[in-house]
Amino acid sequence: MRMRSLLLLVLLFAPGARGEPLGLGSAPDAALLHAWDIDIVPSGAGLPAGAGSVEQGKRIYAEKCAACHGRSGEGGPMDMLVGGQGTLAGERPVKTVGSYWPYATTLFDFVRRAMPFNAPQTLSDEEVYAVTGYLLHLNGIVAGDAIMDARTLAAVRMPNASGFVADPRPDVSAGSGR
């Protein structure tokens, strides 16, 4: 019981418990906040300036992606990126860029944040546009001469765009405020 009382006293009178600053860290400046403000939403809001072609993407993919995802996105040792169309309702769905992903902008966001696996966030925005275009081309979604930029990428209609439930979530009623 004495230990609980002591712990309660420590917590009550510790810096921060009464709204006092702890003296840790510092306020981020605008440049630091901007560097972390990299999210891209389905509509394309937040896409950066720049552009990349499918042809450029083919070269970048061969250099930085093929070792994990296969020469043409067929997979191995990491996930398959191409194929799978028409399998989602089957017993063994194959979830790829072309069969599962609902938005091309989400693909851009993921590649930009997490790829290549051994060096995430090292691709330039132009390289990400190019690789995204190449992956869309491999899945038959854009032409081989496509140029991806903020406008063209946001306009891409993915095959599974209607396969996801729109907001509000089905488990939350529209007026619940959750």
Foldseek 3Di string as FASTA:
>chain_A
DVVVVVVVVCLCPPAPNVPHDPPDDDDDDPVVVVVPQQDADQLLPRFDFAKEALVLLLVCCCVFPCVAQNNLQCGPPHARAEDQAPPPVDPDGRDHVQHNDQALRVQLSCCCACPPVVDHNPDDSHNSNNNSNNSCVSHVQDDNGDMGGSVVRSPGGGPCNVVDDDPPDPVDDPPPPD
